[in-house]
PDB file of N, CA and C in Angstrom:
ATOM      1  N   UNK A   1     -15.991 -93.587  69.574  1.00  0.00           N
ATOM      2  CA  UNK A   1     -14.973 -93.541  68.536  1.00  0.00           C
ATOM      3  C   UNK A   1     -14.313 -92.167  68.564  1.00  0.00           C
ATOM      4  N   UNK A   2     -12.998 -92.130  68.575  1.00  0.00           N
ATOM      5  CA  UNK A   2     -12.308 -90.848  68.529  1.00  0.00           C
ATOM      6  C   UNK A   2     -11.761 -90.609  67.123  1.00  0.00           C
ATOM      7  N   UNK A   3     -11.240 -89.420  66.895  1.00  0.00           N
ATOM      8  CA  UNK A   3     -10.748 -89.062  65.559  1.00  0.00           C
ATOM      9  C   UNK A   3      -9.573 -89.915  65.109  1.00  0.00           C
ATOM     10  N   UNK A   4      -8.863 -90.551  66.041  1.00  0.00           N
ATOM     11  CA  UNK A   4      -7.739 -91.405  65.666  1.00  0.00           C
ATOM     12  C   UNK A   4      -8.203 -92.623  64.881  1.00  0.00           C
ATOM     13  N   UNK A   5      -9.470 -92.983  65.003  1.00  0.00           N
ATOM     14  CA  UNK A   5     -10.010 -94.149  64.314  1.00  0.00           C
ATOM     15  C   UNK A   5     -10.567 -93.818  62.937  1.00  0.00           C
ATOM     16  N   UNK A   6     -10.577 -92.541  62.585  1.00  0.00           N
ATOM     17  CA  UNK A   6     -11.160 -92.116  61.316  1.00  0.00           C
ATOM     18  C   UNK A   6     -10.037 -91.890  60.304  1.00  0.00           C
ATOM     19  N   UNK A   7     -10.210 -92.426  59.102  1.00  0.00           N
ATOM     20  CA  UNK A   7      -9.233 -92.247  58.028  1.00  0.00           C
ATOM     21  C   UNK A   7      -9.723 -91.125  57.119  1.00  0.00           C
ATOM     22  N   UNK A   8      -9.103 -89.950  57.229  1.00  0.00           N
ATOM     23  CA  UNK A   8      -9.502 -88.810  56.418  1.00  0.00           C
ATOM     24  C   UNK A   8      -8.778 -88.826  55.080  1.00  0.00           C
ATOM     25  N   UNK A   9      -9.339 -88.105  54.119  1.00  0.00           N
ATOM     26  CA  UNK A   9      -8.777 -88.051  52.762  1.00  0.00           C
ATOM     27  C   UNK A   9      -7.456 -87.302  52.700  1.00  0.00           C
ATOM     28  N   UNK A  10      -7.278 -86.344  53.589  1.00  0.00           N
ATOM     29  CA  UNK A  10      -6.050 -85.559  53.630  1.00  0.00           C
ATOM     30  C   UNK A  10      -5.548 -85.500  55.068  1.00  0.00           C
ATOM     31  N   UNK A  11      -4.260 -85.252  55.218  1.00  0.00           N
ATOM     32  CA  UNK A  11      -3.684 -85.120  56.558  1.00  0.00           C
ATOM     33  C   UNK A  11      -4.087 -83.773  57.163  1.00  0.00           C
ATOM     34  N   UNK A  12      -3.854 -83.643  58.452  1.00  0.00           N
ATOM     35  CA  UNK A  12      -4.130 -82.368  59.119  1.00  0.00           C
ATOM     36  C   UNK A  12      -3.327 -81.237  58.483  1.00  0.00           C
ATOM     37  N   UNK A  13      -2.069 -81.506  58.180  1.00  0.00           N
ATOM     38  CA  UNK A  13      -1.217 -80.475  57.584  1.00  0.00           C
ATOM     39  C   UNK A  13      -1.730 -80.085  56.195  1.00  0.00           C
ATOM     40  N   UNK A  14      -2.116 -81.064  55.391  1.00  0.00           N
ATOM     41  CA  UNK A  14      -2.667 -80.759  54.068  1.00  0.00           C
ATOM     42  C   UNK A  14      -3.943 -79.925  54.205  1.00  0.00           C
ATOM     43  N   UNK A  15      -4.792 -80.304  55.124  1.00  0.00           N
ATOM     44  CA  UNK A  15      -6.026 -79.556  55.366  1.00  0.00           C
ATOM     45  C   UNK A  15      -5.706 -78.121  55.768  1.00  0.00           C
ATOM     46  N   UNK A  16      -4.733 -77.964  56.666  1.00  0.00           N
ATOM     47  CA  UNK A  16      -4.348 -76.620  57.108  1.00  0.00           C
ATOM     48  C   UNK A  16      -3.850 -75.767  55.950  1.00  0.00           C
ATOM     49  N   UNK A  17      -3.057 -76.361  55.072  1.00  0.00           N
ATOM     50  CA  UNK A  17      -2.551 -75.627  53.907  1.00  0.00           C
ATOM     51  C   UNK A  17      -3.711 -75.235  52.989  1.00  0.00           C
ATOM     52  N   UNK A  18      -4.607 -76.175  52.739  1.00  0.00           N
ATOM     53  CA  UNK A  18      -5.741 -75.912  51.847  1.00  0.00           C
ATOM     54  C   UNK A  18      -6.631 -74.807  52.397  1.00  0.00           C
ATOM     55  N   UNK A  19      -6.982 -74.873  53.680  1.00  0.00           N
ATOM     56  CA  UNK A  19      -7.877 -73.864  54.247  1.00  0.00           C
ATOM     57  C   UNK A  19      -7.200 -72.498  54.341  1.00  0.00           C
ATOM     58  N   UNK A  20      -5.907 -72.486  54.646  1.00  0.00           N
ATOM     59  CA  UNK A  20      -5.194 -71.211  54.696  1.00  0.00           C
ATOM     60  C   UNK A  20      -5.099 -70.607  53.303  1.00  0.00           C
ATOM     61  N   UNK A  21      -4.811 -71.432  52.319  1.00  0.00           N
ATOM     62  CA  UNK A  21      -4.758 -70.965  50.935  1.00  0.00           C
ATOM     63  C   UNK A  21      -6.105 -70.391  50.511  1.00  0.00           C
ATOM     64  N   UNK A  22      -7.169 -71.073  50.850  1.00  0.00           N
ATOM     65  CA  UNK A  22      -8.513 -70.591  50.528  1.00  0.00           C
ATOM     66  C   UNK A  22      -8.779 -69.227  51.164  1.00  0.00           C
ATOM     67  N   UNK A  23      -8.409 -69.085  52.416  1.00  0.00           N
ATOM     68  CA  UNK A  23      -8.618 -67.811  53.116  1.00  0.00           C
ATOM     69  C   UNK A  23      -7.825 -66.682  52.464  1.00  0.00           C
ATOM     70  N   UNK A  24      -6.589 -66.961  52.105  1.00  0.00           N
ATOM     71  CA  UNK A  24      -5.762 -65.943  51.463  1.00  0.00           C
ATOM     72  C   UNK A  24      -6.346 -65.526  50.115  1.00  0.00           C
ATOM     73  N   UNK A  25      -6.822 -66.494  49.346  1.00  0.00           N
ATOM     74  CA  UNK A  25      -7.392 -66.180  48.030  1.00  0.00           C
ATOM     75  C   UNK A  25      -8.677 -65.363  48.171  1.00  0.00           C
ATOM     76  N   UNK A  26      -9.497 -65.703  49.150  1.00  0.00           N
ATOM     77  CA  UNK A  26     -10.721 -64.942  49.374  1.00  0.00           C
ATOM     78  C   UNK A  26     -10.412 -63.520  49.814  1.00  0.00           C
ATOM     79  N   UNK A  27      -9.358 -63.364  50.602  1.00  0.00           N
ATOM     80  CA  UNK A  27      -9.023 -62.033  51.096  1.00  0.00           C
ATOM     81  C   UNK A  27      -8.498 -61.123  49.994  1.00  0.00           C
ATOM     82  N   UNK A  28      -7.975 -61.691  48.915  1.00  0.00           N
ATOM     83  CA  UNK A  28      -7.481 -60.860  47.813  1.00  0.00           C
ATOM     84  C   UNK A  28      -8.591 -59.966  47.266  1.00  0.00           C
ATOM     85  N   UNK A  29      -9.759 -60.536  47.052  1.00  0.00           N
ATOM     86  CA  UNK A  29     -10.890 -59.764  46.536  1.00  0.00           C
ATOM     87  C   UNK A  29     -11.320 -58.697  47.542  1.00  0.00           C
ATOM     88  N   UNK A  30     -11.360 -59.073  48.813  1.00  0.00           N
ATOM     89  CA  UNK A  30     -11.765 -58.137  49.855  1.00  0.00           C
ATOM     90  C   UNK A  30     -10.783 -56.976  49.953  1.00  0.00           C
ATOM     91  N   UNK A  31      -9.495 -57.276  49.960  1.00  0.00           N
ATOM     92  CA  UNK A  31      -8.495 -56.219  50.069  1.00  0.00           C
ATOM     93  C   UNK A  31      -8.507 -55.293  48.858  1.00  0.00           C
ATOM     94  N   UNK A  32      -8.786 -55.833  47.677  1.00  0.00           N
ATOM     95  CA  UNK A  32      -8.908 -54.987  46.485  1.00  0.00           C
ATOM     96  C   UNK A  32     -10.091 -54.029  46.644  1.00  0.00           C
ATOM     97  N   UNK A  33     -11.187 -54.524  47.175  1.00  0.00           N
ATOM     98  CA  UNK A  33     -12.378 -53.689  47.410  1.00  0.00           C
ATOM     99  C   UNK A  33     -12.054 -52.603  48.437  1.00  0.00           C
ATOM    100  N   UNK A  34     -11.370 -52.981  49.513  1.00  0.00           N
ATOM    101  CA  UNK A  34     -11.008 -52.005  50.532  1.00  0.00           C
ATOM    102  C   UNK A  34     -10.092 -50.921  49.963  1.00  0.00           C
ATOM    103  N   UNK A  35      -9.165 -51.304  49.103  1.00  0.00           N
ATOM    104  CA  UNK A  35      -8.281 -50.328  48.472  1.00  0.00           C
ATOM    105  C   UNK A  35      -9.079 -49.375  47.604  1.00  0.00           C
ATOM    106  N   UNK A  36     -10.035 -49.904  46.847  1.00  0.00           N
ATOM    107  CA  UNK A  36     -10.893 -49.052  46.013  1.00  0.00           C
ATOM    108  C   UNK A  36     -11.710 -48.093  46.880  1.00  0.00           C
ATOM    109  N   UNK A  37     -12.244 -48.609  48.002  1.00  0.00           N
ATOM    110  CA  UNK A  37     -13.013 -47.757  48.916  1.00  0.00           C
ATOM    111  C   UNK A  37     -12.149 -46.621  49.454  1.00  0.00           C
ATOM    112  N   UNK A  38     -10.911 -46.942  49.828  1.00  0.00           N
ATOM    113  CA  UNK A  38     -10.007 -45.918  50.339  1.00  0.00           C
ATOM    114  C   UNK A  38      -9.690 -44.885  49.256  1.00  0.00           C
ATOM    115  N   UNK A  39      -9.499 -45.356  48.016  1.00  0.00           N
ATOM    116  CA  UNK A  39      -9.277 -44.435  46.897  1.00  0.00           C
ATOM    117  C   UNK A  39     -10.463 -43.496  46.729  1.00  0.00           C
ATOM    118  N   UNK A  40     -11.665 -44.048  46.806  1.00  0.00           N
ATOM    119  CA  UNK A  40     -12.881 -43.233  46.650  1.00  0.00           C
ATOM    120  C   UNK A  40     -12.990 -42.170  47.741  1.00  0.00           C
ATOM    121  N   UNK A  41     -12.473 -42.475  48.921  1.00  0.00           N
ATOM    122  CA  UNK A  41     -12.486 -41.521  50.034  1.00  0.00           C
ATOM    123  C   UNK A  41     -11.297 -40.569  49.973  1.00  0.00           C
ATOM    124  N   UNK A  42     -10.411 -40.780  48.992  1.00  0.00           N
ATOM    125  CA  UNK A  42      -9.249 -39.919  48.858  1.00  0.00           C
ATOM    126  C   UNK A  42      -8.128 -40.243  49.831  1.00  0.00           C
ATOM    127  N   UNK A  43      -8.125 -41.464  50.351  1.00  0.00           N
ATOM    128  CA  UNK A  43      -7.102 -41.850  51.316  1.00  0.00           C
ATOM    129  C   UNK A  43      -6.095 -42.783  50.640  1.00  0.00           C
ATOM    130  N   UNK A  44      -5.127 -42.161  49.982  1.00  0.00           N
ATOM    131  CA  UNK A  44      -4.123 -42.918  49.229  1.00  0.00           C
ATOM    132  C   UNK A  44      -3.255 -43.769  50.155  1.00  0.00           C
ATOM    133  N   UNK A  45      -3.019 -43.280  51.364  1.00  0.00           N
ATOM    134  CA  UNK A  45      -2.190 -44.028  52.307  1.00  0.00           C
ATOM    135  C   UNK A  45      -2.828 -45.382  52.637  1.00  0.00           C
ATOM    136  N   UNK A  46      -4.104 -45.375  53.005  1.00  0.00           N
ATOM    137  CA  UNK A  46      -4.790 -46.627  53.313  1.00  0.00           C
ATOM    138  C   UNK A  46      -4.926 -47.506  52.081  1.00  0.00           C
ATOM    139  N   UNK A  47      -5.210 -46.897  50.942  1.00  0.00           N
ATOM    140  CA  UNK A  47      -5.321 -47.676  49.706  1.00  0.00           C
ATOM    141  C   UNK A  47      -4.015 -48.419  49.445  1.00  0.00           C
ATOM    142  N   UNK A  48      -2.913 -47.733  49.645  1.00  0.00           N
ATOM    143  CA  UNK A  48      -1.607 -48.361  49.462  1.00  0.00           C
ATOM    144  C   UNK A  48      -1.367 -49.489  50.450  1.00  0.00           C
ATOM    145  N   UNK A  49      -1.801 -49.296  51.692  1.00  0.00           N
ATOM    146  CA  UNK A  49      -1.654 -50.353  52.697  1.00  0.00           C
ATOM    147  C   UNK A  49      -2.448 -51.589  52.310  1.00  0.00           C
ATOM    148  N   UNK A  50      -3.685 -51.381  51.873  1.00  0.00           N
ATOM    149  CA  UNK A  50      -4.511 -52.524  51.464  1.00  0.00           C
ATOM    150  C   UNK A  50      -3.909 -53.237  50.256  1.00  0.00           C
ATOM    151  N   UNK A  51      -3.379 -52.478  49.325  1.00  0.00           N
ATOM    152  CA  UNK A  51      -2.748 -53.096  48.154  1.00  0.00           C
ATOM    153  C   UNK A  51      -1.474 -53.852  48.549  1.00  0.00           C
ATOM    154  N   UNK A  52      -0.738 -53.291  49.490  1.00  0.00           N
ATOM    155  CA  UNK A  52       0.459 -53.964  49.978  1.00  0.00           C
ATOM    156  C   UNK A  52       0.085 -55.282  50.673  1.00  0.00           C
ATOM    157  N   UNK A  53      -0.932 -55.238  51.516  1.00  0.00           N
ATOM    158  CA  UNK A  53      -1.408 -56.460  52.169  1.00  0.00           C
ATOM    159  C   UNK A  53      -1.838 -57.498  51.140  1.00  0.00           C
ATOM    160  N   UNK A  54      -2.534 -57.042  50.105  1.00  0.00           N
ATOM    161  CA  UNK A  54      -2.979 -57.958  49.053  1.00  0.00           C
ATOM    162  C   UNK A  54      -1.781 -58.596  48.359  1.00  0.00           C
ATOM    163  N   UNK A  55      -0.759 -57.803  48.100  1.00  0.00           N
ATOM    164  CA  UNK A  55       0.444 -58.335  47.471  1.00  0.00           C
ATOM    165  C   UNK A  55       1.133 -59.374  48.337  1.00  0.00           C
ATOM    166  N   UNK A  56       1.207 -59.086  49.636  1.00  0.00           N
ATOM    167  CA  UNK A  56       1.807 -60.055  50.553  1.00  0.00           C
ATOM    168  C   UNK A  56       0.983 -61.342  50.593  1.00  0.00           C
ATOM    169  N   UNK A  57      -0.332 -61.193  50.634  1.00  0.00           N
ATOM    170  CA  UNK A  57      -1.204 -62.377  50.629  1.00  0.00           C
ATOM    171  C   UNK A  57      -1.016 -63.194  49.358  1.00  0.00           C
ATOM    172  N   UNK A  58      -0.888 -62.510  48.223  1.00  0.00           N
ATOM    173  CA  UNK A  58      -0.683 -63.215  46.963  1.00  0.00           C
ATOM    174  C   UNK A  58       0.610 -64.013  47.002  1.00  0.00           C
ATOM    175  N   UNK A  59       1.663 -63.414  47.554  1.00  0.00           N
ATOM    176  CA  UNK A  59       2.943 -64.106  47.647  1.00  0.00           C
ATOM    177  C   UNK A  59       2.832 -65.324  48.560  1.00  0.00           C
ATOM    178  N   UNK A  60       2.190 -65.155  49.696  1.00  0.00           N
ATOM    179  CA  UNK A  60       2.028 -66.276  50.625  1.00  0.00           C
ATOM    180  C   UNK A  60       1.143 -67.365  50.020  1.00  0.00           C
ATOM    181  N   UNK A  61       0.112 -66.961  49.292  1.00  0.00           N
ATOM    182  CA  UNK A  61      -0.763 -67.941  48.638  1.00  0.00           C
ATOM    183  C   UNK A  61       0.024 -68.750  47.612  1.00  0.00           C
ATOM    184  N   UNK A  62       0.885 -68.091  46.863  1.00  0.00           N
ATOM    185  CA  UNK A  62       1.710 -68.789  45.879  1.00  0.00           C
ATOM    186  C   UNK A  62       2.647 -69.778  46.568  1.00  0.00           C
ATOM    187  N   UNK A  63       3.247 -69.352  47.674  1.00  0.00           N
ATOM    188  CA  UNK A  63       4.141 -70.239  48.412  1.00  0.00           C
ATOM    189  C   UNK A  63       3.393 -71.457  48.951  1.00  0.00           C
ATOM    190  N   UNK A  64       2.193 -71.240  49.490  1.00  0.00           N
ATOM    191  CA  UNK A  64       1.394 -72.360  49.990  1.00  0.00           C
ATOM    192  C   UNK A  64       0.964 -73.282  48.861  1.00  0.00           C
ATOM    193  N   UNK A  65       0.601 -72.695  47.720  1.00  0.00           N
ATOM    194  CA  UNK A  65       0.204 -73.515  46.564  1.00  0.00           C
ATOM    195  C   UNK A  65       1.358 -74.409  46.140  1.00  0.00           C
ATOM    196  N   UNK A  66       2.548 -73.831  46.070  1.00  0.00           N
ATOM    197  CA  UNK A  66       3.724 -74.615  45.683  1.00  0.00           C
ATOM    198  C   UNK A  66       4.000 -75.722  46.694  1.00  0.00           C
ATOM    199  N   UNK A  67       3.856 -75.410  47.985  1.00  0.00           N
ATOM    200  CA  UNK A  67       4.058 -76.421  49.021  1.00  0.00           C
ATOM    201  C   UNK A  67       3.031 -77.535  48.886  1.00  0.00           C
ATOM    202  N   UNK A  68       1.783 -77.171  48.610  1.00  0.00           N
ATOM    203  CA  UNK A  68       0.727 -78.175  48.434  1.00  0.00           C
ATOM    204  C   UNK A  68       1.027 -79.060  47.232  1.00  0.00           C
ATOM    205  N   UNK A  69       1.487 -78.469  46.159  1.00  0.00           N
ATOM    206  CA  UNK A  69       1.853 -79.261  44.973  1.00  0.00           C
ATOM    207  C   UNK A  69       2.955 -80.268  45.303  1.00  0.00           C
ATOM    208  N   UNK A  70       3.953 -79.820  46.057  1.00  0.00           N
ATOM    209  CA  UNK A  70       5.027 -80.736  46.458  1.00  0.00           C
ATOM    210  C   UNK A  70       4.482 -81.857  47.340  1.00  0.00           C
ATOM    211  N   UNK A  71       3.574 -81.521  48.240  1.00  0.00           N
ATOM    212  CA  UNK A  71       2.989 -82.526  49.123  1.00  0.00           C
ATOM    213  C   UNK A  71       2.221 -83.559  48.316  1.00  0.00           C
ATOM    214  N   UNK A  72       1.493 -83.118  47.325  1.00  0.00           N
ATOM    215  CA  UNK A  72       0.702 -84.026  46.490  1.00  0.00           C
ATOM    216  C   UNK A  72       1.617 -84.920  45.664  1.00  0.00           C
ATOM    217  N   UNK A  73       2.693 -84.342  45.116  1.00  0.00           N
ATOM    218  CA  UNK A  73       3.637 -85.133  44.325  1.00  0.00           C
ATOM    219  C   UNK A  73       4.319 -86.201  45.165  1.00  0.00           C
ATOM    220  N   UNK A  74       4.601 -85.883  46.418  1.00  0.00           N
ATOM    221  CA  UNK A  74       5.282 -86.825  47.304  1.00  0.00           C
ATOM    222  C   UNK A  74       4.353 -87.927  47.811  1.00  0.00           C
ATOM    223  N   UNK A  75       3.063 -87.628  47.859  1.00  0.00           N
ATOM    224  CA  UNK A  75       2.106 -88.576  48.413  1.00  0.00           C
ATOM    225  C   UNK A  75       0.807 -88.531  47.620  1.00  0.00           C
ATOM    226  N   UNK A  76       0.845 -89.037  46.380  1.00  0.00           N
ATOM    227  CA  UNK A  76      -0.343 -88.938  45.504  1.00  0.00           C
ATOM    228  C   UNK A  76      -1.526 -89.733  46.022  1.00  0.00           C
TER     229      UNK A  76
END
């Protein structure tokens, strides 16, 4: 039996969005910790980079969440 014969609960694209969203959300906590670590070491430049990355991740996570909501509304 190959995967073409299996009926999954979500499509590959939905799964990809969900797992990417999960990864981005998990990284928010990590990047905040890294920024704090850089602050503790007195490295404001790196702290700012980590915070910037976190902000970008938050924006991308929001965009993916909105896309997932649209996907669910179109195919409940």
